[in-house]
N, C-alpha and C. Protein backbone atom coordinates (compact mmCIF):
# COMPACT_ATOMS: atom_id res chain seq x y z
N UNK A 1 -16.14 -8.00 90.99
CA UNK A 1 -15.04 -7.12 90.72
C UNK A 1 -14.01 -7.78 89.83
N UNK A 2 -13.86 -9.09 89.98
CA UNK A 2 -12.90 -9.85 89.20
C UNK A 2 -13.30 -9.86 87.73
N UNK A 3 -14.61 -9.96 87.47
CA UNK A 3 -15.07 -9.96 86.09
C UNK A 3 -14.78 -8.62 85.42
N UNK A 4 -14.91 -7.54 86.11
CA UNK A 4 -14.67 -6.22 85.57
C UNK A 4 -13.19 -6.05 85.20
N UNK A 5 -12.28 -6.55 86.03
CA UNK A 5 -10.86 -6.47 85.72
C UNK A 5 -10.51 -7.30 84.49
N UNK A 6 -11.10 -8.47 84.34
CA UNK A 6 -10.82 -9.31 83.17
C UNK A 6 -11.26 -8.61 81.89
N UNK A 7 -12.41 -7.97 81.87
CA UNK A 7 -12.90 -7.31 80.65
C UNK A 7 -12.03 -6.12 80.31
N UNK A 8 -11.44 -5.45 81.34
CA UNK A 8 -10.53 -4.34 81.06
C UNK A 8 -9.23 -4.84 80.47
N UNK A 9 -8.77 -6.03 80.81
CA UNK A 9 -7.55 -6.61 80.24
C UNK A 9 -7.83 -7.15 78.85
N UNK A 10 -8.99 -7.65 78.61
CA UNK A 10 -9.34 -8.24 77.34
C UNK A 10 -9.55 -7.18 76.26
N UNK A 11 -10.02 -6.02 76.64
CA UNK A 11 -10.32 -4.97 75.68
C UNK A 11 -9.08 -4.52 74.89
N UNK A 12 -7.94 -4.24 75.55
CA UNK A 12 -6.75 -3.85 74.77
C UNK A 12 -6.29 -4.95 73.82
N UNK A 13 -6.36 -6.22 74.24
CA UNK A 13 -5.96 -7.33 73.38
C UNK A 13 -6.90 -7.41 72.19
N UNK A 14 -8.19 -7.27 72.42
CA UNK A 14 -9.19 -7.30 71.37
C UNK A 14 -9.00 -6.12 70.42
N UNK A 15 -8.69 -4.95 70.94
CA UNK A 15 -8.46 -3.76 70.12
C UNK A 15 -7.22 -3.94 69.26
N UNK A 16 -6.15 -4.48 69.80
CA UNK A 16 -4.94 -4.74 69.02
C UNK A 16 -5.22 -5.75 67.91
N UNK A 17 -5.96 -6.79 68.22
CA UNK A 17 -6.32 -7.80 67.21
C UNK A 17 -7.15 -7.22 66.08
N UNK A 18 -8.16 -6.42 66.44
CA UNK A 18 -9.00 -5.78 65.41
C UNK A 18 -8.20 -4.79 64.57
N UNK A 19 -7.30 -4.05 65.20
CA UNK A 19 -6.44 -3.10 64.47
C UNK A 19 -5.53 -3.86 63.50
N UNK A 20 -4.98 -4.97 63.93
CA UNK A 20 -4.11 -5.77 63.05
C UNK A 20 -4.89 -6.32 61.87
N UNK A 21 -6.09 -6.82 62.10
CA UNK A 21 -6.92 -7.36 61.00
C UNK A 21 -7.31 -6.24 60.03
N UNK A 22 -7.65 -5.07 60.55
CA UNK A 22 -8.00 -3.94 59.70
C UNK A 22 -6.80 -3.50 58.87
N UNK A 23 -5.61 -3.49 59.48
CA UNK A 23 -4.38 -3.13 58.76
C UNK A 23 -4.10 -4.11 57.63
N UNK A 24 -4.22 -5.40 57.90
CA UNK A 24 -4.00 -6.40 56.85
C UNK A 24 -5.03 -6.26 55.73
N UNK A 25 -6.26 -6.04 56.08
CA UNK A 25 -7.31 -5.90 55.06
C UNK A 25 -7.05 -4.66 54.19
N UNK A 26 -6.73 -3.52 54.82
CA UNK A 26 -6.45 -2.29 54.08
C UNK A 26 -5.20 -2.46 53.20
N UNK A 27 -4.22 -3.18 53.69
CA UNK A 27 -3.02 -3.44 52.91
C UNK A 27 -3.35 -4.23 51.65
N UNK A 28 -4.19 -5.23 51.76
CA UNK A 28 -4.56 -6.06 50.61
C UNK A 28 -5.34 -5.29 49.55
N UNK A 29 -6.29 -4.47 49.98
CA UNK A 29 -7.12 -3.78 48.99
C UNK A 29 -6.44 -2.55 48.41
N UNK A 30 -5.41 -2.03 49.05
CA UNK A 30 -4.76 -0.83 48.55
C UNK A 30 -3.48 -1.12 47.77
N UNK A 31 -3.07 -2.35 47.72
CA UNK A 31 -1.85 -2.69 46.99
C UNK A 31 -2.05 -2.49 45.49
N UNK A 32 -1.03 -1.91 44.83
CA UNK A 32 -1.04 -1.75 43.38
C UNK A 32 -0.72 -3.09 42.75
N UNK A 33 -1.50 -3.48 41.78
CA UNK A 33 -1.28 -4.76 41.10
C UNK A 33 -0.09 -4.61 40.17
N UNK A 34 1.04 -5.20 40.55
CA UNK A 34 2.27 -5.07 39.76
C UNK A 34 2.45 -6.24 38.80
N UNK A 35 1.51 -7.15 38.77
CA UNK A 35 1.63 -8.27 37.84
C UNK A 35 1.50 -7.76 36.42
N UNK A 36 2.36 -8.26 35.53
CA UNK A 36 2.34 -7.85 34.12
C UNK A 36 1.19 -8.53 33.40
N UNK A 37 0.42 -7.74 32.72
CA UNK A 37 -0.73 -8.25 31.98
C UNK A 37 -0.24 -8.70 30.60
N UNK A 38 -0.53 -9.92 30.24
CA UNK A 38 -0.14 -10.47 28.94
C UNK A 38 -1.07 -9.93 27.87
N UNK A 39 -0.48 -9.46 26.77
CA UNK A 39 -1.25 -8.94 25.65
C UNK A 39 -1.47 -10.05 24.64
N UNK A 40 -2.55 -10.00 23.93
CA UNK A 40 -2.86 -10.97 22.89
C UNK A 40 -1.95 -10.69 21.69
N UNK A 41 -1.07 -11.63 21.32
CA UNK A 41 -0.13 -11.38 20.22
C UNK A 41 -0.81 -11.26 18.85
N UNK A 42 -2.08 -11.65 18.76
CA UNK A 42 -2.80 -11.57 17.48
C UNK A 42 -3.61 -10.28 17.34
N UNK A 43 -3.59 -9.45 18.36
CA UNK A 43 -4.32 -8.18 18.32
C UNK A 43 -3.32 -7.04 18.43
N UNK A 44 -3.50 -5.97 17.66
CA UNK A 44 -2.57 -4.84 17.75
C UNK A 44 -2.50 -4.27 19.16
N UNK A 45 -1.29 -3.92 19.57
CA UNK A 45 -1.11 -3.28 20.86
C UNK A 45 -1.63 -1.84 20.81
N UNK A 46 -1.42 -1.20 19.66
CA UNK A 46 -2.00 0.13 19.46
C UNK A 46 -2.27 0.36 17.98
N UNK A 47 -3.17 1.30 17.70
CA UNK A 47 -3.56 1.67 16.34
C UNK A 47 -3.60 3.19 16.29
N UNK A 48 -3.06 3.76 15.20
CA UNK A 48 -3.10 5.22 15.02
C UNK A 48 -3.74 5.52 13.67
N UNK A 49 -4.57 6.53 13.64
CA UNK A 49 -5.22 6.97 12.40
C UNK A 49 -4.59 8.30 11.96
N UNK A 50 -4.47 8.48 10.64
CA UNK A 50 -3.94 9.72 10.06
C UNK A 50 -2.63 10.15 10.72
N UNK A 51 -1.66 9.27 10.64
CA UNK A 51 -0.37 9.43 11.30
C UNK A 51 0.58 10.28 10.47
N UNK A 52 1.33 11.15 11.13
CA UNK A 52 2.44 11.88 10.54
C UNK A 52 3.59 11.76 11.53
N UNK A 53 4.66 11.05 11.13
CA UNK A 53 5.83 10.88 11.99
C UNK A 53 7.03 11.54 11.30
N UNK A 54 7.74 12.38 12.02
CA UNK A 54 8.85 13.14 11.45
C UNK A 54 10.09 12.93 12.30
N UNK A 55 11.24 12.72 11.63
CA UNK A 55 12.52 12.62 12.33
C UNK A 55 13.45 13.71 11.80
N UNK A 56 14.31 14.19 12.68
CA UNK A 56 15.27 15.23 12.32
C UNK A 56 16.68 14.72 12.56
N UNK A 57 17.65 15.27 11.81
CA UNK A 57 19.04 14.87 12.02
C UNK A 57 19.61 15.61 13.23
N UNK A 58 20.88 15.39 13.52
CA UNK A 58 21.50 15.99 14.70
C UNK A 58 21.61 17.52 14.62
N UNK A 59 21.43 18.09 13.42
CA UNK A 59 21.48 19.54 13.25
C UNK A 59 20.09 20.16 13.20
N UNK A 60 19.06 19.34 13.42
CA UNK A 60 17.69 19.84 13.44
C UNK A 60 17.05 19.94 12.06
N UNK A 61 17.71 19.38 11.04
CA UNK A 61 17.14 19.42 9.69
C UNK A 61 16.30 18.17 9.47
N UNK A 62 15.29 18.32 8.64
CA UNK A 62 14.38 17.22 8.34
C UNK A 62 15.15 16.03 7.78
N UNK A 63 14.91 14.84 8.34
CA UNK A 63 15.59 13.61 7.90
C UNK A 63 14.62 12.72 7.14
N UNK A 64 13.47 12.43 7.72
CA UNK A 64 12.43 11.68 7.01
C UNK A 64 11.07 11.95 7.63
N UNK A 65 10.06 11.69 6.83
CA UNK A 65 8.68 11.89 7.29
C UNK A 65 7.86 10.74 6.73
N UNK A 66 7.05 10.16 7.58
CA UNK A 66 6.15 9.08 7.19
C UNK A 66 4.72 9.54 7.46
N UNK A 67 3.91 9.47 6.42
CA UNK A 67 2.49 9.81 6.53
C UNK A 67 1.73 8.54 6.19
N UNK A 68 0.72 8.21 6.97
CA UNK A 68 -0.08 7.00 6.71
C UNK A 68 -1.51 7.24 7.18
N UNK A 69 -2.45 6.61 6.48
CA UNK A 69 -3.84 6.75 6.89
C UNK A 69 -4.12 5.93 8.15
N UNK A 70 -3.35 4.84 8.32
CA UNK A 70 -3.54 3.99 9.50
C UNK A 70 -2.24 3.24 9.79
N UNK A 71 -1.91 3.08 11.07
CA UNK A 71 -0.73 2.34 11.49
C UNK A 71 -1.07 1.51 12.71
N UNK A 72 -0.50 0.31 12.81
CA UNK A 72 -0.71 -0.53 13.98
C UNK A 72 0.54 -1.37 14.23
N UNK A 73 0.70 -1.80 15.48
CA UNK A 73 1.84 -2.62 15.86
C UNK A 73 1.38 -3.69 16.84
N UNK A 74 1.93 -4.89 16.67
CA UNK A 74 1.59 -6.02 17.54
C UNK A 74 2.55 -6.08 18.72
N UNK A 75 2.08 -6.61 19.86
CA UNK A 75 2.93 -6.68 21.06
C UNK A 75 4.21 -7.46 20.82
N UNK A 76 5.32 -6.90 21.25
CA UNK A 76 6.61 -7.57 21.16
C UNK A 76 7.20 -7.65 19.77
N UNK A 77 6.59 -7.03 18.77
CA UNK A 77 7.09 -7.07 17.40
C UNK A 77 7.75 -5.74 17.06
N UNK A 78 8.88 -5.76 16.36
CA UNK A 78 9.58 -4.51 16.04
C UNK A 78 8.97 -3.75 14.86
N UNK A 79 8.13 -4.39 14.07
CA UNK A 79 7.60 -3.76 12.87
C UNK A 79 6.24 -3.12 13.11
N UNK A 80 6.06 -1.95 12.52
CA UNK A 80 4.77 -1.27 12.51
C UNK A 80 4.19 -1.43 11.10
N UNK A 81 2.90 -1.66 11.00
CA UNK A 81 2.23 -1.88 9.72
C UNK A 81 1.44 -0.64 9.34
N UNK A 82 1.34 -0.38 8.02
CA UNK A 82 0.73 0.85 7.54
C UNK A 82 -0.24 0.60 6.40
N UNK A 83 -1.23 1.47 6.30
CA UNK A 83 -2.09 1.55 5.13
C UNK A 83 -1.83 2.91 4.50
N UNK A 84 -1.71 2.93 3.20
CA UNK A 84 -1.45 4.14 2.42
C UNK A 84 -0.23 4.91 2.95
N UNK A 85 0.91 4.23 3.07
CA UNK A 85 2.11 4.93 3.55
C UNK A 85 2.71 5.82 2.46
N UNK A 86 3.25 6.93 2.89
CA UNK A 86 3.94 7.89 2.03
C UNK A 86 5.20 8.30 2.79
N UNK A 87 6.35 7.80 2.36
CA UNK A 87 7.61 8.02 3.06
C UNK A 87 8.45 9.04 2.30
N UNK A 88 8.83 10.11 2.97
CA UNK A 88 9.69 11.15 2.38
C UNK A 88 11.07 11.04 3.02
N UNK A 89 12.12 11.04 2.18
CA UNK A 89 13.50 10.94 2.66
C UNK A 89 14.24 12.22 2.28
N UNK A 90 14.88 12.85 3.28
CA UNK A 90 15.58 14.12 3.06
C UNK A 90 17.05 13.97 3.37
N UNK A 91 17.86 14.88 2.79
CA UNK A 91 19.27 14.98 3.15
C UNK A 91 19.57 16.46 3.30
N UNK A 92 20.04 16.86 4.46
CA UNK A 92 20.29 18.26 4.80
C UNK A 92 19.05 19.11 4.51
N UNK A 93 17.88 18.56 4.80
CA UNK A 93 16.63 19.28 4.64
C UNK A 93 16.06 19.29 3.23
N UNK A 94 16.79 18.75 2.24
CA UNK A 94 16.31 18.73 0.85
C UNK A 94 15.74 17.35 0.52
N UNK A 95 14.58 17.32 -0.12
CA UNK A 95 13.93 16.06 -0.49
C UNK A 95 14.79 15.29 -1.48
N UNK A 96 15.09 14.03 -1.15
CA UNK A 96 15.88 13.17 -2.03
C UNK A 96 14.96 12.24 -2.83
N UNK A 97 13.97 11.67 -2.18
CA UNK A 97 12.98 10.83 -2.85
C UNK A 97 11.81 10.60 -1.91
N UNK A 98 10.72 10.13 -2.46
CA UNK A 98 9.64 9.67 -1.59
C UNK A 98 8.99 8.45 -2.21
N UNK A 99 8.43 7.62 -1.32
CA UNK A 99 7.86 6.34 -1.71
C UNK A 99 6.39 6.34 -1.29
N UNK A 100 5.53 6.00 -2.25
CA UNK A 100 4.08 5.94 -2.00
C UNK A 100 3.64 4.50 -2.22
N UNK A 101 2.86 3.96 -1.31
CA UNK A 101 2.38 2.59 -1.46
C UNK A 101 0.96 2.43 -0.96
N UNK A 102 0.43 1.24 -1.15
CA UNK A 102 -0.91 0.93 -0.62
C UNK A 102 -0.82 0.36 0.79
N UNK A 103 0.14 -0.55 1.01
CA UNK A 103 0.37 -1.11 2.34
C UNK A 103 1.87 -1.29 2.53
N UNK A 104 2.27 -1.41 3.79
CA UNK A 104 3.69 -1.62 4.06
C UNK A 104 3.94 -1.82 5.54
N UNK A 105 5.20 -2.03 5.85
CA UNK A 105 5.61 -2.16 7.25
C UNK A 105 6.99 -1.53 7.40
N UNK A 106 7.29 -1.09 8.62
CA UNK A 106 8.55 -0.40 8.88
C UNK A 106 9.11 -0.87 10.21
N UNK A 107 10.40 -1.19 10.22
CA UNK A 107 11.09 -1.60 11.43
C UNK A 107 11.96 -0.43 11.88
N UNK A 108 11.60 0.20 12.98
CA UNK A 108 12.31 1.38 13.45
C UNK A 108 13.73 1.06 13.89
N UNK A 109 13.98 -0.15 14.39
CA UNK A 109 15.33 -0.53 14.83
C UNK A 109 16.29 -0.65 13.66
N UNK A 110 15.85 -1.31 12.58
CA UNK A 110 16.72 -1.51 11.42
C UNK A 110 16.58 -0.39 10.39
N UNK A 111 15.59 0.47 10.55
CA UNK A 111 15.26 1.56 9.62
C UNK A 111 14.96 1.02 8.22
N UNK A 112 14.30 -0.14 8.16
CA UNK A 112 13.97 -0.76 6.89
C UNK A 112 12.45 -0.84 6.73
N UNK A 113 12.02 -0.55 5.50
CA UNK A 113 10.59 -0.59 5.17
C UNK A 113 10.38 -1.58 4.04
N UNK A 114 9.21 -2.20 4.04
CA UNK A 114 8.84 -3.08 2.95
C UNK A 114 7.43 -2.71 2.52
N UNK A 115 7.31 -2.32 1.27
CA UNK A 115 6.01 -1.96 0.69
C UNK A 115 5.57 -3.17 -0.13
N UNK A 116 4.40 -3.72 0.18
CA UNK A 116 4.03 -5.00 -0.43
C UNK A 116 2.84 -4.93 -1.38
N UNK A 117 2.39 -3.76 -1.72
CA UNK A 117 1.35 -3.62 -2.74
C UNK A 117 1.60 -2.34 -3.50
N UNK A 118 1.42 -2.39 -4.78
CA UNK A 118 1.55 -1.23 -5.66
C UNK A 118 2.31 -0.07 -5.02
N UNK A 119 3.56 0.09 -5.42
CA UNK A 119 4.43 1.08 -4.79
C UNK A 119 5.17 1.88 -5.86
N UNK A 120 5.39 3.16 -5.58
CA UNK A 120 6.10 4.05 -6.49
C UNK A 120 7.15 4.84 -5.70
N UNK A 121 8.40 4.79 -6.19
CA UNK A 121 9.48 5.61 -5.65
C UNK A 121 9.66 6.78 -6.62
N UNK A 122 9.64 7.99 -6.09
CA UNK A 122 9.77 9.18 -6.93
C UNK A 122 11.00 9.97 -6.49
N UNK A 123 11.92 10.16 -7.44
CA UNK A 123 13.08 11.02 -7.20
C UNK A 123 12.79 12.33 -7.92
N UNK A 124 12.74 13.44 -7.17
CA UNK A 124 12.38 14.72 -7.80
C UNK A 124 13.44 15.16 -8.81
N UNK A 125 13.05 16.00 -9.76
CA UNK A 125 14.03 16.49 -10.75
C UNK A 125 15.09 17.35 -10.07
N UNK A 126 16.25 17.39 -10.69
CA UNK A 126 17.31 18.29 -10.22
C UNK A 126 17.92 18.97 -11.44
N UNK A 127 19.01 19.67 -11.27
CA UNK A 127 19.62 20.42 -12.37
C UNK A 127 20.20 19.51 -13.45
N UNK A 128 20.46 18.23 -13.13
CA UNK A 128 21.08 17.32 -14.10
C UNK A 128 20.10 16.38 -14.78
N UNK A 129 18.95 16.08 -14.14
CA UNK A 129 18.03 15.10 -14.73
C UNK A 129 16.59 15.37 -14.34
N UNK A 130 15.65 14.89 -15.17
CA UNK A 130 14.23 15.08 -14.86
C UNK A 130 13.79 14.11 -13.75
N UNK A 131 12.54 14.24 -13.33
CA UNK A 131 11.98 13.35 -12.32
C UNK A 131 12.12 11.89 -12.75
N UNK A 132 12.43 11.02 -11.79
CA UNK A 132 12.51 9.57 -12.05
C UNK A 132 11.45 8.90 -11.18
N UNK A 133 10.70 7.98 -11.80
CA UNK A 133 9.68 7.21 -11.08
C UNK A 133 9.98 5.73 -11.26
N UNK A 134 9.98 4.99 -10.15
CA UNK A 134 10.15 3.54 -10.17
C UNK A 134 8.85 2.94 -9.66
N UNK A 135 8.13 2.20 -10.49
CA UNK A 135 6.86 1.59 -10.09
C UNK A 135 7.00 0.08 -10.05
N UNK A 136 6.48 -0.52 -8.99
CA UNK A 136 6.57 -1.97 -8.82
C UNK A 136 5.42 -2.44 -7.93
N UNK A 137 5.26 -3.76 -7.86
CA UNK A 137 4.23 -4.31 -6.98
C UNK A 137 4.74 -4.47 -5.55
N UNK A 138 6.06 -4.46 -5.35
CA UNK A 138 6.66 -4.59 -4.02
C UNK A 138 8.04 -3.95 -4.04
N UNK A 139 8.43 -3.38 -2.89
CA UNK A 139 9.72 -2.71 -2.83
C UNK A 139 10.26 -2.71 -1.40
N UNK A 140 11.56 -2.91 -1.29
CA UNK A 140 12.29 -2.84 -0.03
C UNK A 140 13.02 -1.50 0.00
N UNK A 141 12.96 -0.78 1.13
CA UNK A 141 13.66 0.50 1.27
C UNK A 141 14.40 0.50 2.61
N UNK A 142 15.71 0.74 2.54
CA UNK A 142 16.53 0.89 3.75
C UNK A 142 16.80 2.38 3.91
N UNK A 143 16.08 3.02 4.84
CA UNK A 143 16.21 4.47 4.99
C UNK A 143 17.55 4.87 5.59
N UNK A 144 18.17 3.99 6.35
CA UNK A 144 19.47 4.28 6.94
C UNK A 144 20.58 4.27 5.89
N UNK A 145 20.57 3.27 5.02
CA UNK A 145 21.59 3.15 3.97
C UNK A 145 21.18 3.87 2.69
N UNK A 146 19.93 4.38 2.65
CA UNK A 146 19.40 5.09 1.49
C UNK A 146 19.49 4.21 0.24
N UNK A 147 18.83 3.07 0.36
CA UNK A 147 18.88 2.03 -0.67
C UNK A 147 17.46 1.51 -0.90
N UNK A 148 17.11 1.26 -2.15
CA UNK A 148 15.81 0.68 -2.48
C UNK A 148 16.03 -0.44 -3.48
N UNK A 149 15.16 -1.47 -3.41
CA UNK A 149 15.28 -2.57 -4.37
C UNK A 149 13.94 -3.27 -4.52
N UNK A 150 13.83 -4.00 -5.64
CA UNK A 150 12.66 -4.81 -5.90
C UNK A 150 13.08 -5.98 -6.77
N UNK A 151 12.44 -7.12 -6.58
CA UNK A 151 12.66 -8.28 -7.44
C UNK A 151 11.46 -8.52 -8.34
N UNK A 152 10.46 -7.67 -8.20
CA UNK A 152 9.21 -7.79 -8.96
C UNK A 152 9.32 -7.04 -10.28
N UNK A 153 8.43 -7.34 -11.23
CA UNK A 153 8.40 -6.55 -12.47
C UNK A 153 8.25 -5.07 -12.13
N UNK A 154 9.05 -4.25 -12.80
CA UNK A 154 9.10 -2.83 -12.49
C UNK A 154 9.12 -2.00 -13.77
N UNK A 155 8.60 -0.80 -13.67
CA UNK A 155 8.64 0.15 -14.78
C UNK A 155 9.31 1.41 -14.26
N UNK A 156 10.28 1.90 -15.04
CA UNK A 156 11.04 3.07 -14.65
C UNK A 156 10.76 4.16 -15.67
N UNK A 157 10.36 5.33 -15.19
CA UNK A 157 10.10 6.49 -16.03
C UNK A 157 11.10 7.57 -15.66
N UNK A 158 11.78 8.11 -16.67
CA UNK A 158 12.66 9.25 -16.45
C UNK A 158 12.44 10.22 -17.60
N UNK A 159 11.79 11.32 -17.29
CA UNK A 159 11.40 12.23 -18.36
C UNK A 159 10.44 11.49 -19.29
N UNK A 160 10.77 11.47 -20.60
CA UNK A 160 9.95 10.76 -21.58
C UNK A 160 10.44 9.33 -21.84
N UNK A 161 11.50 8.92 -21.17
CA UNK A 161 12.06 7.57 -21.36
C UNK A 161 11.36 6.59 -20.43
N UNK A 162 11.22 5.33 -20.92
CA UNK A 162 10.55 4.28 -20.14
C UNK A 162 11.39 3.01 -20.23
N UNK A 163 11.55 2.32 -19.10
CA UNK A 163 12.27 1.04 -19.08
C UNK A 163 11.42 0.03 -18.30
N UNK A 164 11.40 -1.21 -18.79
CA UNK A 164 10.71 -2.32 -18.12
C UNK A 164 11.77 -3.32 -17.69
N UNK A 165 11.69 -3.76 -16.44
CA UNK A 165 12.68 -4.68 -15.91
C UNK A 165 12.04 -5.59 -14.87
N UNK A 166 12.66 -6.74 -14.68
CA UNK A 166 12.27 -7.60 -13.55
C UNK A 166 13.27 -7.29 -12.45
N UNK A 167 12.91 -6.34 -11.61
CA UNK A 167 13.73 -5.96 -10.47
C UNK A 167 14.72 -4.85 -10.75
N UNK A 168 15.15 -4.20 -9.65
CA UNK A 168 16.14 -3.14 -9.72
C UNK A 168 16.76 -2.94 -8.35
N UNK A 169 17.88 -2.23 -8.32
CA UNK A 169 18.44 -1.70 -7.07
C UNK A 169 18.70 -0.22 -7.31
N UNK A 170 18.50 0.57 -6.29
CA UNK A 170 18.74 2.01 -6.39
C UNK A 170 19.54 2.44 -5.18
N UNK A 171 20.74 2.95 -5.43
CA UNK A 171 21.62 3.45 -4.38
C UNK A 171 21.57 4.98 -4.44
N UNK A 172 20.75 5.56 -3.60
CA UNK A 172 20.50 7.00 -3.65
C UNK A 172 21.77 7.84 -3.46
N UNK A 173 22.68 7.51 -2.52
CA UNK A 173 23.87 8.35 -2.36
C UNK A 173 24.73 8.43 -3.64
N UNK A 174 24.75 7.35 -4.41
CA UNK A 174 25.53 7.34 -5.65
C UNK A 174 24.70 7.75 -6.86
N UNK A 175 23.39 7.82 -6.70
CA UNK A 175 22.52 8.12 -7.83
C UNK A 175 22.52 6.99 -8.85
N UNK A 176 22.76 5.77 -8.38
CA UNK A 176 22.95 4.62 -9.27
C UNK A 176 21.72 3.71 -9.26
N UNK A 177 21.10 3.56 -10.43
CA UNK A 177 19.97 2.66 -10.62
C UNK A 177 20.46 1.49 -11.46
N UNK A 178 20.32 0.28 -10.93
CA UNK A 178 20.74 -0.93 -11.64
C UNK A 178 19.50 -1.77 -11.92
N UNK A 179 19.29 -2.10 -13.20
CA UNK A 179 18.18 -2.96 -13.59
C UNK A 179 18.67 -4.40 -13.55
N UNK A 180 17.86 -5.29 -12.97
CA UNK A 180 18.33 -6.65 -12.69
C UNK A 180 18.00 -7.68 -13.77
N UNK A 181 17.43 -7.26 -14.88
CA UNK A 181 17.12 -8.23 -15.93
C UNK A 181 17.35 -7.59 -17.28
N UNK A 182 17.21 -8.42 -18.30
CA UNK A 182 17.21 -7.87 -19.65
C UNK A 182 16.00 -6.94 -19.72
N UNK A 183 16.24 -5.77 -20.25
CA UNK A 183 15.20 -4.75 -20.19
C UNK A 183 14.80 -4.27 -21.58
N UNK A 184 13.63 -3.72 -21.62
CA UNK A 184 13.16 -3.03 -22.81
C UNK A 184 13.12 -1.56 -22.45
N UNK A 185 13.89 -0.76 -23.18
CA UNK A 185 13.98 0.67 -22.88
C UNK A 185 13.54 1.47 -24.10
N UNK A 186 12.70 2.43 -23.87
CA UNK A 186 12.34 3.39 -24.90
C UNK A 186 12.92 4.72 -24.44
N UNK A 187 13.98 5.13 -25.14
CA UNK A 187 14.70 6.34 -24.75
C UNK A 187 14.21 7.50 -25.60
N UNK A 188 13.82 8.58 -24.98
CA UNK A 188 13.36 9.76 -25.70
C UNK A 188 14.00 10.99 -25.09
N UNK A 189 14.46 11.90 -25.96
CA UNK A 189 15.06 13.13 -25.46
C UNK A 189 14.03 14.14 -25.12
């Protein structure tokens, strides 16, 4: 009879022990892994194909649009890289200029782009002047300040006129194009 009483006392202790072990085991396998996974800094964090990114101003009017055949960004880096970028810049919904390049990068925080292979800035014609094209091998564009520049050899076309320069600055709000070197200009009406 004594043995029977001992086994009845042992059973609840054994059941509590098994329940505790099962609880610990279930807790371990069901926990969400909150450890941060380190990304390889030499591999893109993401890649997008045939990208169209559009921003609007506070009144809902088109501000800028970026079209690219491919875009990628590396972990922890503020710049996104592009192939065949085409950047359109608007003011109050009207196209001010657009930049076409082979490759480039854009920093969304600073709103600055750098086109590093064959690039063309096109200012559409208006009532005062014909279309203006600025062609260069590299170009910096600040979309926030609406400023473009290059230190590379550049060719500027405006209507039938052509100018060759080593570098330029273009201040879109003022409509001011400054050539940075002695230039050769062929002016035609």
